[in-house]
PDB file of N, CA and C in Angstrom:
ATOM      1  N   MET A   1     -12.685 -13.208  15.000  1.00  0.00           N
ATOM      2  CA  MET A   1     -11.834 -12.207  15.272  1.00  0.00           C
ATOM      3  C   MET A   1     -11.903 -11.918  16.837  1.00  0.00           C
ATOM      4  N   GLY A   2     -10.857 -11.385  17.254  1.00  0.00           N
ATOM      5  CA  GLY A   2     -10.932 -11.023  18.730  1.00  0.00           C
ATOM      6  C   GLY A   2     -11.501  -9.889  19.306  1.00  0.00           C
ATOM      7  N   THR A   3     -11.901  -9.695  20.296  1.00  0.00           N
ATOM      8  CA  THR A   3     -12.677  -8.461  21.117  1.00  0.00           C
ATOM      9  C   THR A   3     -11.887  -7.326  21.483  1.00  0.00           C
ATOM     10  N   THR A   4     -10.460  -7.649  21.212  1.00  0.00           N
ATOM     11  CA  THR A   4      -9.630  -6.362  21.558  1.00  0.00           C
ATOM     12  C   THR A   4      -9.941  -5.492  20.529  1.00  0.00           C
ATOM     13  N   PRO A   5      -9.612  -4.093  21.126  1.00  0.00           N
ATOM     14  CA  PRO A   5      -9.710  -2.887  20.002  1.00  0.00           C
ATOM     15  C   PRO A   5      -8.731  -3.149  19.043  1.00  0.00           C
ATOM     16  N   GLN A   6      -9.022  -2.974  17.658  1.00  0.00           N
ATOM     17  CA  GLN A   6      -8.290  -3.035  16.419  1.00  0.00           C
ATOM     18  C   GLN A   6      -7.404  -1.729  16.323  1.00  0.00           C
ATOM     19  N   ASP A   7      -6.409  -1.789  15.707  1.00  0.00           N
ATOM     20  CA  ASP A   7      -5.690  -0.321  15.090  1.00  0.00           C
ATOM     21  C   ASP A   7      -6.195  -0.198  13.710  1.00  0.00           C
ATOM     22  N   ARG A   8      -6.221   1.004  13.439  1.00  0.00           N
ATOM     23  CA  ARG A   8      -6.776   1.483  12.102  1.00  0.00           C
ATOM     24  C   ARG A   8      -5.870   2.551  11.624  1.00  0.00           C
ATOM     25  N   TYR A   9      -5.678   2.523  10.199  1.00  0.00           N
ATOM     26  CA  TYR A   9      -4.713   3.329   9.666  1.00  0.00           C
ATOM     27  C   TYR A   9      -5.584   4.205   8.597  1.00  0.00           C
ATOM     28  N   GLN A  10      -5.020   5.183   8.220  1.00  0.00           N
ATOM     29  CA  GLN A  10      -5.598   6.033   7.009  1.00  0.00           C
ATOM     30  C   GLN A  10      -4.585   5.798   5.925  1.00  0.00           C
ATOM     31  N   LEU A  11      -4.996   5.151   4.774  1.00  0.00           N
ATOM     32  CA  LEU A  11      -4.263   5.056   3.601  1.00  0.00           C
ATOM     33  C   LEU A  11      -4.507   6.006   2.412  1.00  0.00           C
ATOM     34  N   ALA A  12      -3.782   6.554   1.899  1.00  0.00           N
ATOM     35  CA  ALA A  12      -3.901   7.651   0.846  1.00  0.00           C
ATOM     36  C   ALA A  12      -2.866   7.337  -0.267  1.00  0.00           C
ATOM     37  N   GLY A  13      -3.413   7.734  -1.345  1.00  0.00           N
ATOM     38  CA  GLY A  13      -2.654   7.438  -2.666  1.00  0.00           C
ATOM     39  C   GLY A  13      -3.538   7.760  -4.092  1.00  0.00           C
ATOM     40  N   LEU A  14      -2.978   7.096  -5.028  1.00  0.00           N
ATOM     41  CA  LEU A  14      -3.581   7.268  -6.453  1.00  0.00           C
ATOM     42  C   LEU A  14      -3.615   5.927  -6.682  1.00  0.00           C
ATOM     43  N   ASP A  15      -5.240   5.693  -7.308  1.00  0.00           N
ATOM     44  CA  ASP A  15      -5.706   4.376  -7.542  1.00  0.00           C
ATOM     45  C   ASP A  15      -5.179   3.906  -9.169  1.00  0.00           C
ATOM     46  N   PRO A  16      -5.234   3.004  -9.618  1.00  0.00           N
ATOM     47  CA  PRO A  16      -4.828   2.718 -11.051  1.00  0.00           C
ATOM     48  C   PRO A  16      -5.558   3.615 -11.994  1.00  0.00           C
ATOM     49  N   ARG A  17      -6.484   4.201 -11.720  1.00  0.00           N
ATOM     50  CA  ARG A  17      -7.125   5.152 -12.688  1.00  0.00           C
ATOM     51  C   ARG A  17      -6.522   6.675 -12.523  1.00  0.00           C
ATOM     52  N   GLU A  18      -5.726   6.669 -11.682  1.00  0.00           N
ATOM     53  CA  GLU A  18      -4.998   7.979 -11.244  1.00  0.00           C
ATOM     54  C   GLU A  18      -5.856   8.906 -10.493  1.00  0.00           C
ATOM     55  N   ARG A  19      -6.611   8.283  -9.771  1.00  0.00           N
ATOM     56  CA  ARG A  19      -7.599   9.157  -9.083  1.00  0.00           C
ATOM     57  C   ARG A  19      -7.051   9.225  -7.512  1.00  0.00           C
ATOM     58  N   GLY A  20      -7.053  10.212  -6.985  1.00  0.00           N
ATOM     59  CA  GLY A  20      -6.649  10.124  -5.571  1.00  0.00           C
ATOM     60  C   GLY A  20      -7.718   9.545  -4.401  1.00  0.00           C
ATOM     61  N   PHE A  21      -7.239   8.714  -3.351  1.00  0.00           N
ATOM     62  CA  PHE A  21      -8.180   8.322  -2.550  1.00  0.00           C
ATOM     63  C   PHE A  21      -7.433   8.199  -1.037  1.00  0.00           C
ATOM     64  N   SER A  22      -8.520   8.173  -0.320  1.00  0.00           N
ATOM     65  CA  SER A  22      -8.005   8.003   1.281  1.00  0.00           C
ATOM     66  C   SER A  22      -8.911   6.948   1.840  1.00  0.00           C
ATOM     67  N   ARG A  23      -8.567   5.969   2.482  1.00  0.00           N
ATOM     68  CA  ARG A  23      -9.753   4.891   2.961  1.00  0.00           C
ATOM     69  C   ARG A  23      -8.995   4.600   4.254  1.00  0.00           C
ATOM     70  N   THR A  24      -9.796   3.823   5.203  1.00  0.00           N
ATOM     71  CA  THR A  24      -9.274   3.482   6.317  1.00  0.00           C
ATOM     72  C   THR A  24      -8.888   1.731   6.143  1.00  0.00           C
ATOM     73  N   VAL A  25      -7.947   1.376   6.695  1.00  0.00           N
ATOM     74  CA  VAL A  25      -7.332   0.138   6.843  1.00  0.00           C
ATOM     75  C   VAL A  25      -7.401  -0.417   8.181  1.00  0.00           C
ATOM     76  N   GLU A  26      -7.931  -1.806   8.444  1.00  0.00           N
ATOM     77  CA  GLU A  26      -8.108  -2.465   9.675  1.00  0.00           C
ATOM     78  C   GLU A  26      -7.009  -3.205   9.756  1.00  0.00           C
ATOM     79  N   VAL A  27      -6.424  -3.392  10.919  1.00  0.00           N
ATOM     80  CA  VAL A  27      -5.160  -4.303  11.176  1.00  0.00           C
ATOM     81  C   VAL A  27      -6.150  -5.168  12.331  1.00  0.00           C
ATOM     82  N   VAL A  28      -6.190  -6.204  11.966  1.00  0.00           N
ATOM     83  CA  VAL A  28      -6.931  -7.169  12.861  1.00  0.00           C
ATOM     84  C   VAL A  28      -5.923  -8.343  13.561  1.00  0.00           C
ATOM     85  N   HIS A  29      -6.163  -8.253  14.886  1.00  0.00           N
ATOM     86  CA  HIS A  29      -4.938  -9.319  15.456  1.00  0.00           C
ATOM     87  C   HIS A  29      -5.818 -10.722  15.928  1.00  0.00           C
ATOM     88  N   GLU A  30      -5.544 -11.640  15.345  1.00  0.00           N
ATOM     89  CA  GLU A  30      -6.275 -13.067  15.610  1.00  0.00           C
ATOM     90  C   GLU A  30      -5.080 -14.182  15.794  1.00  0.00           C
ATOM     91  N   SER A  31      -5.215 -14.812  16.707  1.00  0.00           N
ATOM     92  CA  SER A  31      -4.275 -16.055  16.987  1.00  0.00           C
ATOM     93  C   SER A  31      -2.765 -15.446  16.763  1.00  0.00           C
ATOM     94  N   GLN A  32      -2.441 -14.469  17.533  1.00  0.00           N
ATOM     95  CA  GLN A  32      -1.110 -14.061  17.685  1.00  0.00           C
ATOM     96  C   GLN A  32      -0.686 -13.520  16.183  1.00  0.00           C
ATOM     97  N   GLN A  33      -1.576 -13.336  15.334  1.00  0.00           N
ATOM     98  CA  GLN A  33      -1.205 -12.865  13.812  1.00  0.00           C
ATOM     99  C   GLN A  33      -1.923 -11.694  13.570  1.00  0.00           C
ATOM    100  N   TYR A  34      -1.407 -11.166  12.566  1.00  0.00           N
ATOM    101  CA  TYR A  34      -2.117  -9.823  11.988  1.00  0.00           C
ATOM    102  C   TYR A  34      -2.447  -9.985  10.698  1.00  0.00           C
ATOM    103  N   ARG A  35      -3.733  -9.421  10.378  1.00  0.00           N
ATOM    104  CA  ARG A  35      -4.235  -9.187   8.768  1.00  0.00           C
ATOM    105  C   ARG A  35      -4.576  -7.764   8.602  1.00  0.00           C
ATOM    106  N   ALA A  36      -4.394  -7.277   7.367  1.00  0.00           N
ATOM    107  CA  ALA A  36      -4.608  -5.902   6.894  1.00  0.00           C
ATOM    108  C   ALA A  36      -5.840  -6.037   5.904  1.00  0.00           C
ATOM    109  N   ILE A  37      -6.929  -5.042   6.254  1.00  0.00           N
ATOM    110  CA  ILE A  37      -7.906  -5.345   5.420  1.00  0.00           C
ATOM    111  C   ILE A  37      -8.517  -3.931   4.968  1.00  0.00           C
ATOM    112  N   LEU A  38      -8.724  -3.839   3.634  1.00  0.00           N
ATOM    113  CA  LEU A  38      -8.907  -2.560   2.827  1.00  0.00           C
ATOM    114  C   LEU A  38     -10.100  -2.749   1.869  1.00  0.00           C
ATOM    115  N   ARG A  39     -11.015  -1.936   2.053  1.00  0.00           N
ATOM    116  CA  ARG A  39     -12.350  -1.892   1.206  1.00  0.00           C
ATOM    117  C   ARG A  39     -12.261  -0.659   0.510  1.00  0.00           C
ATOM    118  N   TYR A  40     -12.103  -0.628  -1.034  1.00  0.00           N
ATOM    119  CA  TYR A  40     -12.056   0.463  -1.782  1.00  0.00           C
ATOM    120  C   TYR A  40     -12.826   0.070  -3.089  1.00  0.00           C
ATOM    121  N   GLU A  41     -14.103   0.840  -3.176  1.00  0.00           N
ATOM    122  CA  GLU A  41     -15.003   0.775  -4.157  1.00  0.00           C
ATOM    123  C   GLU A  41     -15.224  -0.728  -4.263  1.00  0.00           C
ATOM    124  N   SER A  42     -15.052  -1.493  -5.516  1.00  0.00           N
ATOM    125  CA  SER A  42     -15.460  -2.940  -5.419  1.00  0.00           C
ATOM    126  C   SER A  42     -14.292  -3.793  -4.934  1.00  0.00           C
ATOM    127  N   ALA A  43     -13.026  -3.242  -4.818  1.00  0.00           N
ATOM    128  CA  ALA A  43     -11.881  -4.120  -4.088  1.00  0.00           C
ATOM    129  C   ALA A  43     -11.984  -4.177  -2.682  1.00  0.00           C
ATOM    130  N   HIS A  44     -11.769  -5.597  -2.315  1.00  0.00           N
ATOM    131  CA  HIS A  44     -11.898  -6.135  -1.197  1.00  0.00           C
ATOM    132  C   HIS A  44     -10.578  -6.813  -0.635  1.00  0.00           C
ATOM    133  N   ILE A  45      -9.584  -6.156  -0.165  1.00  0.00           N
ATOM    134  CA  ILE A  45      -8.157  -6.941   0.037  1.00  0.00           C
ATOM    135  C   ILE A  45      -8.242  -7.250   1.470  1.00  0.00           C
ATOM    136  N   VAL A  46      -7.614  -8.519   1.761  1.00  0.00           N
ATOM    137  CA  VAL A  46      -7.360  -8.982   2.927  1.00  0.00           C
ATOM    138  C   VAL A  46      -6.111  -9.855   2.885  1.00  0.00           C
ATOM    139  N   THR A  47      -4.913  -9.373   3.712  1.00  0.00           N
ATOM    140  CA  THR A  47      -3.732  -9.922   3.438  1.00  0.00           C
ATOM    141  C   THR A  47      -3.702 -11.324   4.428  1.00  0.00           C
ATOM    142  N   ASP A  48      -2.659 -12.164   3.910  1.00  0.00           N
ATOM    143  CA  ASP A  48      -2.504 -13.403   4.466  1.00  0.00           C
ATOM    144  C   ASP A  48      -2.048 -12.900   6.081  1.00  0.00           C
ATOM    145  N   PRO A  49      -2.367 -14.034   6.991  1.00  0.00           N
ATOM    146  CA  PRO A  49      -1.950 -13.807   8.515  1.00  0.00           C
ATOM    147  C   PRO A  49      -0.177 -13.693   8.539  1.00  0.00           C
ATOM    148  N   VAL A  50       0.273 -12.730   9.324  1.00  0.00           N
ATOM    149  CA  VAL A  50       1.847 -12.401   9.295  1.00  0.00           C
ATOM    150  C   VAL A  50       1.915 -11.968  10.883  1.00  0.00           C
ATOM    151  N   THR A  51       3.172 -11.926  11.186  1.00  0.00           N
ATOM    152  CA  THR A  51       3.591 -11.809  12.719  1.00  0.00           C
ATOM    153  C   THR A  51       3.514 -10.427  13.108  1.00  0.00           C
ATOM    154  N   SER A  52       3.448  -9.448  12.553  1.00  0.00           N
ATOM    155  CA  SER A  52       3.193  -8.015  12.936  1.00  0.00           C
ATOM    156  C   SER A  52       2.419  -7.080  12.108  1.00  0.00           C
ATOM    157  N   GLN A  53       2.127  -5.951  12.684  1.00  0.00           N
ATOM    158  CA  GLN A  53       1.195  -5.102  11.787  1.00  0.00           C
ATOM    159  C   GLN A  53       2.018  -4.516  10.856  1.00  0.00           C
ATOM    160  N   ASP A  54       3.393  -4.181  10.891  1.00  0.00           N
ATOM    161  CA  ASP A  54       3.979  -3.351   9.881  1.00  0.00           C
ATOM    162  C   ASP A  54       4.114  -4.446   8.753  1.00  0.00           C
ATOM    163  N   ALA A  55       4.337  -5.843   8.873  1.00  0.00           N
ATOM    164  CA  ALA A  55       4.318  -6.904   7.837  1.00  0.00           C
ATOM    165  C   ALA A  55       2.777  -6.956   7.306  1.00  0.00           C
ATOM    166  N   ALA A  56       1.709  -6.873   7.833  1.00  0.00           N
ATOM    167  CA  ALA A  56       0.652  -6.963   7.123  1.00  0.00           C
ATOM    168  C   ALA A  56       0.455  -5.652   6.424  1.00  0.00           C
ATOM    169  N   LEU A  57       0.752  -4.490   6.939  1.00  0.00           N
ATOM    170  CA  LEU A  57       0.702  -3.239   6.014  1.00  0.00           C
ATOM    171  C   LEU A  57       1.464  -3.305   4.786  1.00  0.00           C
ATOM    172  N   GLN A  58       2.988  -4.014   4.991  1.00  0.00           N
ATOM    173  CA  GLN A  58       3.757  -4.102   3.945  1.00  0.00           C
ATOM    174  C   GLN A  58       3.078  -5.250   2.874  1.00  0.00           C
ATOM    175  N   LEU A  59       2.359  -6.199   3.334  1.00  0.00           N
ATOM    176  CA  LEU A  59       1.689  -7.171   2.293  1.00  0.00           C
ATOM    177  C   LEU A  59       0.643  -6.463   1.408  1.00  0.00           C
ATOM    178  N   LEU A  60       0.095  -5.670   2.213  1.00  0.00           N
ATOM    179  CA  LEU A  60      -1.218  -4.764   1.682  1.00  0.00           C
ATOM    180  C   LEU A  60      -0.609  -3.871   0.550  1.00  0.00           C
ATOM    181  N   ILE A  61       0.558  -3.281   0.775  1.00  0.00           N
ATOM    182  CA  ILE A  61       1.131  -2.175   0.025  1.00  0.00           C
ATOM    183  C   ILE A  61       1.606  -2.907  -1.197  1.00  0.00           C
ATOM    184  N   ALA A  62       2.212  -4.068  -1.126  1.00  0.00           N
ATOM    185  CA  ALA A  62       2.678  -4.780  -2.344  1.00  0.00           C
ATOM    186  C   ALA A  62       1.471  -5.182  -3.066  1.00  0.00           C
ATOM    187  N   ALA A  63       0.500  -5.758  -2.797  1.00  0.00           N
ATOM    188  CA  ALA A  63      -0.759  -6.038  -3.365  1.00  0.00           C
ATOM    189  C   ALA A  63      -1.322  -4.893  -4.103  1.00  0.00           C
ATOM    190  N   LEU A  64      -1.361  -3.826  -3.461  1.00  0.00           N
ATOM    191  CA  LEU A  64      -1.820  -2.434  -4.260  1.00  0.00           C
ATOM    192  C   LEU A  64      -0.934  -2.251  -5.265  1.00  0.00           C
ATOM    193  N   HIS A  65       0.435  -2.201  -4.990  1.00  0.00           N
ATOM    194  CA  HIS A  65       1.272  -1.716  -6.131  1.00  0.00           C
ATOM    195  C   HIS A  65       1.329  -2.606  -7.055  1.00  0.00           C
ATOM    196  N   GLU A  66       0.970  -4.068  -7.229  1.00  0.00           N
ATOM    197  CA  GLU A  66       0.832  -4.902  -8.089  1.00  0.00           C
ATOM    198  C   GLU A  66      -0.487  -4.645  -9.077  1.00  0.00           C
ATOM    199  N   GLN A  67      -1.506  -4.124  -8.236  1.00  0.00           N
ATOM    200  CA  GLN A  67      -2.629  -3.709  -9.109  1.00  0.00           C
ATOM    201  C   GLN A  67      -2.687  -2.143  -9.664  1.00  0.00           C
ATOM    202  N   GLY A  68      -1.643  -1.666  -9.734  1.00  0.00           N
ATOM    203  CA  GLY A  68      -1.194  -0.107 -10.341  1.00  0.00           C
ATOM    204  C   GLY A  68      -1.447   0.976  -9.132  1.00  0.00           C
ATOM    205  N   TYR A  69      -1.621   0.557  -8.059  1.00  0.00           N
ATOM    206  CA  TYR A  69      -1.840   1.980  -7.027  1.00  0.00           C
ATOM    207  C   TYR A  69      -0.388   2.752  -6.792  1.00  0.00           C
ATOM    208  N   ARG A  70      -0.282   3.828  -6.582  1.00  0.00           N
ATOM    209  CA  ARG A  70       0.816   4.468  -6.542  1.00  0.00           C
ATOM    210  C   ARG A  70       0.737   5.586  -5.566  1.00  0.00           C
ATOM    211  N   GLN A  71       1.876   6.001  -5.183  1.00  0.00           N
ATOM    212  CA  GLN A  71       2.090   7.266  -4.414  1.00  0.00           C
ATOM    213  C   GLN A  71       1.192   7.055  -2.810  1.00  0.00           C
ATOM    214  N   LEU A  72       1.657   5.672  -2.454  1.00  0.00           N
ATOM    215  CA  LEU A  72       1.038   5.271  -1.136  1.00  0.00           C
ATOM    216  C   LEU A  72       1.455   5.765   0.115  1.00  0.00           C
ATOM    217  N   LYS A  73       0.811   6.151   1.024  1.00  0.00           N
ATOM    218  CA  LYS A  73       1.197   6.441   2.466  1.00  0.00           C
ATOM    219  C   LYS A  73       0.064   6.190   3.329  1.00  0.00           C
ATOM    220  N   ALA A  74       0.821   5.811   4.644  1.00  0.00           N
ATOM    221  CA  ALA A  74      -0.487   5.561   5.568  1.00  0.00           C
ATOM    222  C   ALA A  74      -0.109   6.222   6.930  1.00  0.00           C
ATOM    223  N   GLN A  75      -0.977   6.187   7.788  1.00  0.00           N
ATOM    224  CA  GLN A  75      -0.918   7.134   9.016  1.00  0.00           C
ATOM    225  C   GLN A  75      -1.827   6.315  10.061  1.00  0.00           C
ATOM    226  N   VAL A  76      -1.283   6.123  11.160  1.00  0.00           N
ATOM    227  CA  VAL A  76      -2.077   5.392  12.308  1.00  0.00           C
ATOM    228  C   VAL A  76      -3.222   6.386  12.702  1.00  0.00           C
ATOM    229  N   SER A  77      -4.699   5.964  12.821  1.00  0.00           N
ATOM    230  CA  SER A  77      -5.371   6.840  13.055  1.00  0.00           C
ATOM    231  C   SER A  77      -6.098   6.265  14.487  1.00  0.00           C
ATOM    232  N   PHE A  78      -5.875   5.094  14.785  1.00  0.00           N
ATOM    233  CA  PHE A  78      -6.671   4.522  16.057  1.00  0.00           C
ATOM    234  C   PHE A  78      -5.510   3.389  16.360  1.00  0.00           C
ATOM    235  N   ARG A  79      -5.246   3.566  17.578  1.00  0.00           N
ATOM    236  CA  ARG A  79      -4.115   2.556  18.317  1.00  0.00           C
ATOM    237  C   ARG A  79      -4.884   1.981  19.505  1.00  0.00           C
ATOM    238  N   ASP A  80      -5.018   0.913  19.644  1.00  0.00           N
ATOM    239  CA  ASP A  80      -5.698  -0.001  20.623  1.00  0.00           C
ATOM    240  C   ASP A  80      -7.029   0.591  21.250  1.00  0.00           C
ATOM    241  N   GLY A  81      -7.900   1.120  20.062  1.00  0.00           N
ATOM    242  CA  GLY A  81      -9.011   1.663  20.118  1.00  0.00           C
ATOM    243  C   GLY A  81      -9.172   2.980  20.369  1.00  0.00           C
ATOM    244  N   ALA A  82      -8.291   3.677  20.684  1.00  0.00           N
ATOM    245  CA  ALA A  82      -7.763   5.361  20.988  1.00  0.00           C
ATOM    246  C   ALA A  82      -7.682   6.079  19.578  1.00  0.00           C
ATOM    247  N   TYR A  83      -8.592   7.087  19.524  1.00  0.00           N
ATOM    248  CA  TYR A  83      -8.434   8.019  18.301  1.00  0.00           C
ATOM    249  C   TYR A  83      -7.094   8.717  18.618  1.00  0.00           C
ATOM    250  N   LEU A  84      -6.387   8.617  17.527  1.00  0.00           N
ATOM    251  CA  LEU A  84      -5.101   9.674  17.395  1.00  0.00           C
ATOM    252  C   LEU A  84      -5.223  10.884  16.692  1.00  0.00           C
ATOM    253  N   GLY A  85      -6.121  10.922  15.852  1.00  0.00           N
ATOM    254  CA  GLY A  85      -6.294  12.191  15.063  1.00  0.00           C
ATOM    255  C   GLY A  85      -5.173  12.169  13.968  1.00  0.00           C
ATOM    256  N   SER A  86      -4.631  13.046  13.677  1.00  0.00           N
ATOM    257  CA  SER A  86      -3.443  13.223  12.830  1.00  0.00           C
ATOM    258  C   SER A  86      -2.117  13.406  13.631  1.00  0.00           C
ATOM    259  N   ARG A  87      -1.939  13.071  14.698  1.00  0.00           N
ATOM    260  CA  ARG A  87      -0.866  13.085  15.669  1.00  0.00           C
ATOM    261  C   ARG A  87       0.233  12.499  15.110  1.00  0.00           C
ATOM    262  N   GLU A  88      -0.103  11.280  14.772  1.00  0.00           N
ATOM    263  CA  GLU A  88       1.259  10.329  14.033  1.00  0.00           C
ATOM    264  C   GLU A  88       1.430  10.959  12.545  1.00  0.00           C
ATOM    265  N   SER A  89       2.819  10.632  12.426  1.00  0.00           N
ATOM    266  CA  SER A  89       3.274  11.027  11.036  1.00  0.00           C
ATOM    267  C   SER A  89       2.912   9.902  10.048  1.00  0.00           C
ATOM    268  N   TRP A  90       2.986  10.478   8.802  1.00  0.00           N
ATOM    269  CA  TRP A  90       2.793   9.534   7.706  1.00  0.00           C
ATOM    270  C   TRP A  90       3.964   8.744   7.366  1.00  0.00           C
ATOM    271  N   THR A  91       3.792   7.617   6.942  1.00  0.00           N
ATOM    272  CA  THR A  91       4.696   6.644   6.405  1.00  0.00           C
ATOM    273  C   THR A  91       4.707   6.406   4.885  1.00  0.00           C
ATOM    274  N   GLU A  92       5.433   6.914   4.087  1.00  0.00           N
ATOM    275  CA  GLU A  92       5.327   6.892   2.605  1.00  0.00           C
ATOM    276  C   GLU A  92       6.210   5.481   2.191  1.00  0.00           C
ATOM    277  N   TYR A  93       5.475   4.733   1.307  1.00  0.00           N
ATOM    278  CA  TYR A  93       5.708   3.649   0.443  1.00  0.00           C
ATOM    279  C   TYR A  93       6.113   3.869  -0.957  1.00  0.00           C
ATOM    280  N   PRO A  94       7.663   4.022  -1.229  1.00  0.00           N
ATOM    281  CA  PRO A  94       7.921   4.162  -2.655  1.00  0.00           C
ATOM    282  C   PRO A  94       7.270   3.121  -3.551  1.00  0.00           C
ATOM    283  N   ASP A  95       7.136   3.766  -4.713  1.00  0.00           N
ATOM    284  CA  ASP A  95       6.556   3.109  -5.895  1.00  0.00           C
ATOM    285  C   ASP A  95       7.883   2.045  -6.391  1.00  0.00           C
ATOM    286  N   PRO A  96       7.252   0.829  -6.824  1.00  0.00           N
ATOM    287  CA  PRO A  96       8.095   0.038  -7.500  1.00  0.00           C
ATOM    288  C   PRO A  96       8.735   0.722  -8.649  1.00  0.00           C
ATOM    289  N   PRO A  97       9.947   0.316  -9.204  1.00  0.00           N
ATOM    290  CA  PRO A  97      10.476   0.799 -10.325  1.00  0.00           C
ATOM    291  C   PRO A  97       9.473   0.284 -11.614  1.00  0.00           C
ATOM    292  N   PRO A  98       9.288   1.348 -12.343  1.00  0.00           N
ATOM    293  CA  PRO A  98       8.468   0.977 -13.610  1.00  0.00           C
ATOM    294  C   PRO A  98       8.707  -0.321 -14.298  1.00  0.00           C
ATOM    295  N   GLN A  99       8.023  -0.910 -14.774  1.00  0.00           N
ATOM    296  CA  GLN A  99       8.210  -2.235 -15.683  1.00  0.00           C
ATOM    297  C   GLN A  99       8.413  -1.525 -17.111  1.00  0.00           C
ATOM    298  N   ARG A 100       9.694  -2.024 -17.427  1.00  0.00           N
ATOM    299  CA  ARG A 100       9.899  -1.682 -19.080  1.00  0.00           C
ATOM    300  C   ARG A 100       9.540  -2.680 -20.084  1.00  0.00           C
ATOM    301  N   SER A 101       8.926  -2.359 -21.030  1.00  0.00           N
ATOM    302  CA  SER A 101       8.318  -3.263 -21.956  1.00  0.00           C
ATOM    303  C   SER A 101       9.475  -3.785 -22.926  1.00  0.00           C
ATOM    304  N   LEU A 102       9.466  -4.654 -23.751  1.00  0.00           N
ATOM    305  CA  LEU A 102      10.602  -5.074 -24.645  1.00  0.00           C
ATOM    306  C   LEU A 102      10.708  -4.138 -25.556  1.00  0.00           C
ATOM    307  N   CYS A 103       9.603  -3.509 -26.149  1.00  0.00           N
ATOM    308  CA  CYS A 103       9.668  -2.392 -27.262  1.00  0.00           C
ATOM    309  C   CYS A 103      10.527  -1.126 -26.545  1.00  0.00           C
ATOM    310  N   ASP A 104      10.519  -0.703 -25.057  1.00  0.00           N
ATOM    311  CA  ASP A 104      10.967  -0.029 -24.532  1.00  0.00           C
ATOM    312  C   ASP A 104      12.657  -0.281 -24.554  1.00  0.00           C
ATOM    313  N   ALA A 105      12.811  -1.453 -24.195  1.00  0.00           N
ATOM    314  CA  ALA A 105      14.367  -1.830 -23.945  1.00  0.00           C
ATOM    315  C   ALA A 105      15.079  -1.637 -25.370  1.00  0.00           C
ATOM    316  N   ILE A 106      14.261  -2.176 -26.710  1.00  0.00           N
ATOM    317  CA  ILE A 106      14.690  -2.225 -27.856  1.00  0.00           C
ATOM    318  C   ILE A 106      15.121  -0.786 -28.450  1.00  0.00           C
ATOM    319  N   ARG A 107      14.006   0.227 -28.005  1.00  0.00           N
ATOM    320  CA  ARG A 107      14.445   1.457 -28.237  1.00  0.00           C
ATOM    321  C   ARG A 107      15.108   2.127 -27.677  1.00  0.00           C
ATOM    322  N   SER A 108      15.487   1.836 -26.458  1.00  0.00           N
ATOM    323  CA  SER A 108      16.724   2.560 -25.632  1.00  0.00           C
ATOM    324  C   SER A 108      18.144   1.985 -26.170  1.00  0.00           C
ATOM    325  N   TRP A 109      17.974   0.664 -26.638  1.00  0.00           N
ATOM    326  CA  TRP A 109      19.405   0.195 -26.970  1.00  0.00           C
ATOM    327  C   TRP A 109      19.549   0.809 -28.462  1.00  0.00           C
ATOM    328  N   PHE A 110      18.600   1.006 -29.222  1.00  0.00           N
ATOM    329  CA  PHE A 110      19.028   1.669 -30.617  1.00  0.00           C
ATOM    330  C   PHE A 110      19.387   3.339 -30.287  1.00  0.00           C
ATOM    331  N   GLN A 111      18.676   3.670 -29.327  1.00  0.00           N
ATOM    332  CA  GLN A 111      18.859   5.169 -29.088  1.00  0.00           C
ATOM    333  C   GLN A 111      20.281   5.568 -28.769  1.00  0.00           C
ATOM    334  N   ARG A 112      20.853   4.364 -27.963  1.00  0.00           N
ATOM    335  CA  ARG A 112      22.137   4.546 -27.431  1.00  0.00           C
ATOM    336  C   ARG A 112      23.271   4.522 -28.463  1.00  0.00           C
ATOM    337  N   ASP A 113      23.128   3.980 -29.652  1.00  0.00           N
ATOM    338  CA  ASP A 113      24.070   3.685 -30.706  1.00  0.00           C
ATOM    339  C   ASP A 113      23.928   5.096 -31.616  1.00  0.00           C
ATOM    340  N   HIS A 114      22.718   5.807 -31.512  1.00  0.00           N
ATOM    341  CA  HIS A 114      22.699   7.059 -32.305  1.00  0.00           C
ATOM    342  C   HIS A 114      23.233   8.349 -31.682  1.00  0.00           C
ATOM    343  N   VAL A 115      23.597   8.112 -30.364  1.00  0.00           N
ATOM    344  CA  VAL A 115      23.844   9.401 -29.672  1.00  0.00           C
ATOM    345  C   VAL A 115      25.004  10.121 -30.156  1.00  0.00           C
ATOM    346  N   SER A 116      24.945  11.467 -30.584  1.00  0.00           N
ATOM    347  CA  SER A 116      26.110  12.034 -31.220  1.00  0.00           C
ATOM    348  C   SER A 116      26.727  12.777 -30.140  1.00  0.00           C
ATOM    349  N   VAL A 117      28.112  12.965 -30.142  1.00  0.00           N
ATOM    350  CA  VAL A 117      28.942  13.559 -29.028  1.00  0.00           C
ATOM    351  C   VAL A 117      29.286  15.169 -29.352  1.00  0.00           C
TER     352      VAL A 117
END
């Protein structure tokens, strides 16, 4: 890892157990690429290297969504080693559409046929 100051974000949302959380995400710049790193309880997620900080955050958000995290939002808290506090606005990441099970699809199909006018 480089010796330049790293950017840090505050990430907040709901974990898979529906508990609110707020944790620091480090964005590490190495070899002209960026990785996002999150540690939360037993989870330690490190994204693949990508060409921008935004892309690294997007990869992290996608990985968290796949694991059941919801209502995620992030805010820059350190930029180039300088503390920003809460001066920056939060960026919200919409939850992916819920996955419908086969039973849900069949149920909705039958309910459509029985709707009275």
